[in-house]
Amino acid sequence: MSKQIEFNETARRAMEAGVDKLADAVRITLGPRGRHVVLAKSWGGPTVTNDGVTIARDIDLEDPFENLGAQLVKSVATK
């Protein structure tokens, strides 16, 4: 597979969209009124959780540049 290359504003916006998608999924679980999230997996049944770390670990986005932004947030959060 050939490598995809993005520059400037296009790359920044795509990575920002990935960060926002991850943050939106985790954000609703925070606080005393935090809600649960259902995680669908390719094997087994769905998982209901309100643990932000579990949700973040399970997120993989289809767009490679959005996924790059989400992976960066995950790596920073786990250190």
N, C-alpha and C. Protein backbone atom coordinates (compact mmCIF):
# COMPACT_ATOMS: atom_id res chain seq x y z
N MET A 1 0.84 -1.17 0.00
CA MET A 1 0.00 0.00 0.00
C MET A 1 0.89 1.24 0.00
N SER A 2 0.56 2.19 -0.83
CA SER A 2 1.35 3.42 -0.88
C SER A 2 1.02 4.32 0.31
N LYS A 3 1.95 5.18 0.64
CA LYS A 3 1.77 6.08 1.78
C LYS A 3 0.95 7.28 1.36
N GLN A 4 0.11 7.72 2.26
CA GLN A 4 -0.67 8.93 2.02
C GLN A 4 0.03 10.09 2.70
N ILE A 5 0.12 11.20 2.00
CA ILE A 5 0.79 12.37 2.54
C ILE A 5 -0.17 13.55 2.51
N GLU A 6 -0.30 14.20 3.65
CA GLU A 6 -1.13 15.40 3.75
C GLU A 6 -0.26 16.51 4.34
N PHE A 7 -0.54 17.74 3.96
CA PHE A 7 0.22 18.88 4.44
C PHE A 7 -0.70 19.95 4.98
N ASN A 8 -0.10 20.84 5.74
CA ASN A 8 -0.70 22.09 6.18
C ASN A 8 -2.07 21.93 6.82
N GLU A 9 -3.01 22.75 6.39
CA GLU A 9 -4.33 22.84 7.01
C GLU A 9 -5.12 21.54 6.87
N THR A 10 -4.99 20.86 5.75
CA THR A 10 -5.73 19.62 5.54
C THR A 10 -5.35 18.57 6.57
N ALA A 11 -4.07 18.41 6.80
CA ALA A 11 -3.59 17.43 7.78
C ALA A 11 -3.99 17.83 9.19
N ARG A 12 -3.86 19.10 9.51
CA ARG A 12 -4.20 19.57 10.85
C ARG A 12 -5.67 19.38 11.15
N ARG A 13 -6.52 19.69 10.19
CA ARG A 13 -7.97 19.54 10.39
C ARG A 13 -8.36 18.07 10.55
N ALA A 14 -7.74 17.18 9.78
CA ALA A 14 -8.06 15.76 9.89
C ALA A 14 -7.63 15.22 11.25
N MET A 15 -6.44 15.58 11.70
CA MET A 15 -5.99 15.12 13.01
C MET A 15 -6.84 15.71 14.13
N GLU A 16 -7.23 16.96 13.97
CA GLU A 16 -8.10 17.60 14.97
C GLU A 16 -9.46 16.91 15.03
N ALA A 17 -9.98 16.48 13.89
CA ALA A 17 -11.25 15.77 13.86
C ALA A 17 -11.14 14.45 14.62
N GLY A 18 -10.02 13.75 14.47
CA GLY A 18 -9.81 12.51 15.21
C GLY A 18 -9.73 12.73 16.70
N VAL A 19 -9.03 13.79 17.11
CA VAL A 19 -8.94 14.14 18.53
C VAL A 19 -10.33 14.46 19.07
N ASP A 20 -11.11 15.22 18.31
CA ASP A 20 -12.45 15.60 18.74
C ASP A 20 -13.37 14.39 18.87
N LYS A 21 -13.27 13.44 17.94
CA LYS A 21 -14.12 12.25 18.02
C LYS A 21 -13.80 11.43 19.26
N LEU A 22 -12.53 11.28 19.56
CA LEU A 22 -12.14 10.55 20.77
C LEU A 22 -12.61 11.30 22.01
N ALA A 23 -12.40 12.60 22.04
CA ALA A 23 -12.80 13.40 23.20
C ALA A 23 -14.31 13.37 23.40
N ASP A 24 -15.09 13.42 22.32
CA ASP A 24 -16.54 13.37 22.44
C ASP A 24 -17.02 12.05 23.02
N ALA A 25 -16.37 10.96 22.63
CA ALA A 25 -16.76 9.65 23.14
C ALA A 25 -16.46 9.52 24.63
N VAL A 26 -15.36 10.08 25.08
CA VAL A 26 -14.97 9.99 26.48
C VAL A 26 -15.68 11.04 27.32
N ARG A 27 -15.91 12.21 26.77
CA ARG A 27 -16.48 13.34 27.51
C ARG A 27 -17.82 13.01 28.16
N ILE A 28 -18.67 12.27 27.48
CA ILE A 28 -20.00 12.01 28.02
C ILE A 28 -19.98 11.09 29.23
N THR A 29 -18.85 10.46 29.51
CA THR A 29 -18.76 9.56 30.66
C THR A 29 -18.28 10.28 31.92
N LEU A 30 -17.85 11.52 31.80
CA LEU A 30 -17.24 12.22 32.93
C LEU A 30 -18.28 12.88 33.83
N GLY A 31 -17.92 13.00 35.09
CA GLY A 31 -18.75 13.72 36.05
C GLY A 31 -19.80 12.84 36.70
N PRO A 32 -20.52 13.43 37.66
CA PRO A 32 -21.53 12.66 38.39
C PRO A 32 -22.73 12.26 37.52
N ARG A 33 -22.95 12.99 36.44
CA ARG A 33 -24.05 12.64 35.54
C ARG A 33 -23.53 11.97 34.27
N GLY A 34 -22.36 11.36 34.37
CA GLY A 34 -21.76 10.70 33.21
C GLY A 34 -22.62 9.55 32.71
N ARG A 35 -22.64 9.39 31.43
CA ARG A 35 -23.46 8.35 30.81
C ARG A 35 -22.60 7.17 30.38
N HIS A 36 -23.26 6.09 30.06
CA HIS A 36 -22.58 4.89 29.61
C HIS A 36 -22.43 4.91 28.09
N VAL A 37 -21.45 4.17 27.61
CA VAL A 37 -21.18 4.04 26.18
C VAL A 37 -21.21 2.56 25.83
N VAL A 38 -21.79 2.23 24.69
CA VAL A 38 -21.82 0.85 24.22
C VAL A 38 -20.74 0.68 23.17
N LEU A 39 -19.86 -0.29 23.40
CA LEU A 39 -18.77 -0.58 22.46
C LEU A 39 -19.10 -1.86 21.70
N ALA A 40 -19.18 -1.76 20.38
CA ALA A 40 -19.42 -2.93 19.55
C ALA A 40 -18.08 -3.50 19.12
N LYS A 41 -17.93 -4.79 19.24
CA LYS A 41 -16.68 -5.45 18.86
C LYS A 41 -16.95 -6.43 17.73
N SER A 42 -15.89 -6.78 17.01
CA SER A 42 -16.05 -7.72 15.90
C SER A 42 -16.28 -9.14 16.41
N TRP A 43 -15.92 -9.40 17.65
CA TRP A 43 -16.14 -10.71 18.26
C TRP A 43 -16.88 -10.50 19.58
N GLY A 44 -17.73 -11.43 19.93
CA GLY A 44 -18.46 -11.33 21.19
C GLY A 44 -19.56 -10.29 21.13
N GLY A 45 -20.19 -10.11 22.27
CA GLY A 45 -21.28 -9.16 22.36
C GLY A 45 -20.79 -7.75 22.64
N PRO A 46 -21.72 -6.81 22.64
CA PRO A 46 -21.35 -5.43 22.94
C PRO A 46 -20.99 -5.26 24.41
N THR A 47 -20.18 -4.26 24.70
CA THR A 47 -19.75 -3.96 26.07
C THR A 47 -20.30 -2.60 26.46
N VAL A 48 -20.94 -2.53 27.63
CA VAL A 48 -21.44 -1.26 28.16
C VAL A 48 -20.47 -0.81 29.24
N THR A 49 -19.95 0.40 29.12
CA THR A 49 -18.97 0.90 30.09
C THR A 49 -19.08 2.41 30.22
N ASN A 50 -18.57 2.92 31.32
CA ASN A 50 -18.42 4.36 31.47
C ASN A 50 -16.98 4.71 31.84
N ASP A 51 -16.07 3.80 31.54
CA ASP A 51 -14.65 3.97 31.81
C ASP A 51 -13.99 4.61 30.59
N GLY A 52 -13.49 5.82 30.76
CA GLY A 52 -12.90 6.56 29.65
C GLY A 52 -11.69 5.89 29.03
N VAL A 53 -10.87 5.23 29.85
CA VAL A 53 -9.68 4.55 29.33
C VAL A 53 -10.08 3.39 28.42
N THR A 54 -11.06 2.62 28.84
CA THR A 54 -11.54 1.49 28.03
C THR A 54 -12.10 2.00 26.71
N ILE A 55 -12.84 3.07 26.76
CA ILE A 55 -13.42 3.64 25.54
C ILE A 55 -12.32 4.13 24.61
N ALA A 56 -11.35 4.84 25.16
CA ALA A 56 -10.26 5.38 24.33
C ALA A 56 -9.46 4.25 23.69
N ARG A 57 -9.18 3.21 24.44
CA ARG A 57 -8.40 2.09 23.89
C ARG A 57 -9.13 1.39 22.75
N ASP A 58 -10.46 1.39 22.79
CA ASP A 58 -11.24 0.64 21.82
C ASP A 58 -11.52 1.43 20.54
N ILE A 59 -11.18 2.70 20.50
CA ILE A 59 -11.50 3.53 19.34
C ILE A 59 -10.42 3.40 18.26
N ASP A 60 -10.85 3.02 17.08
CA ASP A 60 -10.02 3.03 15.87
C ASP A 60 -10.86 3.65 14.77
N LEU A 61 -10.38 4.73 14.20
CA LEU A 61 -11.13 5.45 13.18
C LEU A 61 -10.71 4.99 11.79
N GLU A 62 -11.63 5.07 10.84
CA GLU A 62 -11.35 4.59 9.48
C GLU A 62 -10.38 5.51 8.73
N ASP A 63 -10.57 6.81 8.86
CA ASP A 63 -9.68 7.75 8.17
C ASP A 63 -8.30 7.70 8.82
N PRO A 64 -7.24 7.46 8.05
CA PRO A 64 -5.91 7.29 8.66
C PRO A 64 -5.39 8.53 9.38
N PHE A 65 -5.73 9.71 8.90
CA PHE A 65 -5.25 10.93 9.56
C PHE A 65 -6.05 11.25 10.81
N GLU A 66 -7.35 10.98 10.78
CA GLU A 66 -8.15 11.12 12.00
C GLU A 66 -7.69 10.11 13.04
N ASN A 67 -7.41 8.89 12.60
CA ASN A 67 -6.94 7.86 13.51
C ASN A 67 -5.60 8.25 14.11
N LEU A 68 -4.75 8.90 13.34
CA LEU A 68 -3.46 9.36 13.86
C LEU A 68 -3.65 10.34 15.01
N GLY A 69 -4.59 11.27 14.86
CA GLY A 69 -4.88 12.21 15.94
C GLY A 69 -5.39 11.52 17.18
N ALA A 70 -6.29 10.54 17.01
CA ALA A 70 -6.82 9.79 18.15
C ALA A 70 -5.73 8.97 18.82
N GLN A 71 -4.85 8.36 18.04
CA GLN A 71 -3.77 7.56 18.60
C GLN A 71 -2.79 8.43 19.39
N LEU A 72 -2.54 9.64 18.93
CA LEU A 72 -1.66 10.56 19.65
C LEU A 72 -2.23 10.89 21.03
N VAL A 73 -3.52 11.15 21.09
CA VAL A 73 -4.16 11.44 22.38
C VAL A 73 -4.07 10.23 23.29
N LYS A 74 -4.31 9.04 22.75
CA LYS A 74 -4.23 7.83 23.57
C LYS A 74 -2.83 7.62 24.12
N SER A 75 -1.82 7.85 23.30
CA SER A 75 -0.45 7.63 23.77
C SER A 75 -0.06 8.63 24.85
N VAL A 76 -0.51 9.86 24.72
CA VAL A 76 -0.22 10.87 25.74
C VAL A 76 -0.97 10.56 27.03
N ALA A 77 -2.21 10.11 26.91
CA ALA A 77 -3.03 9.85 28.10
C ALA A 77 -2.54 8.64 28.90
N THR A 78 -1.91 7.69 28.25
CA THR A 78 -1.47 6.49 28.96
C THR A 78 -0.09 6.65 29.59
N LYS A 79 0.59 7.75 29.33
CA LYS A 79 1.93 7.95 29.91
C LYS A 79 1.86 8.73 31.19
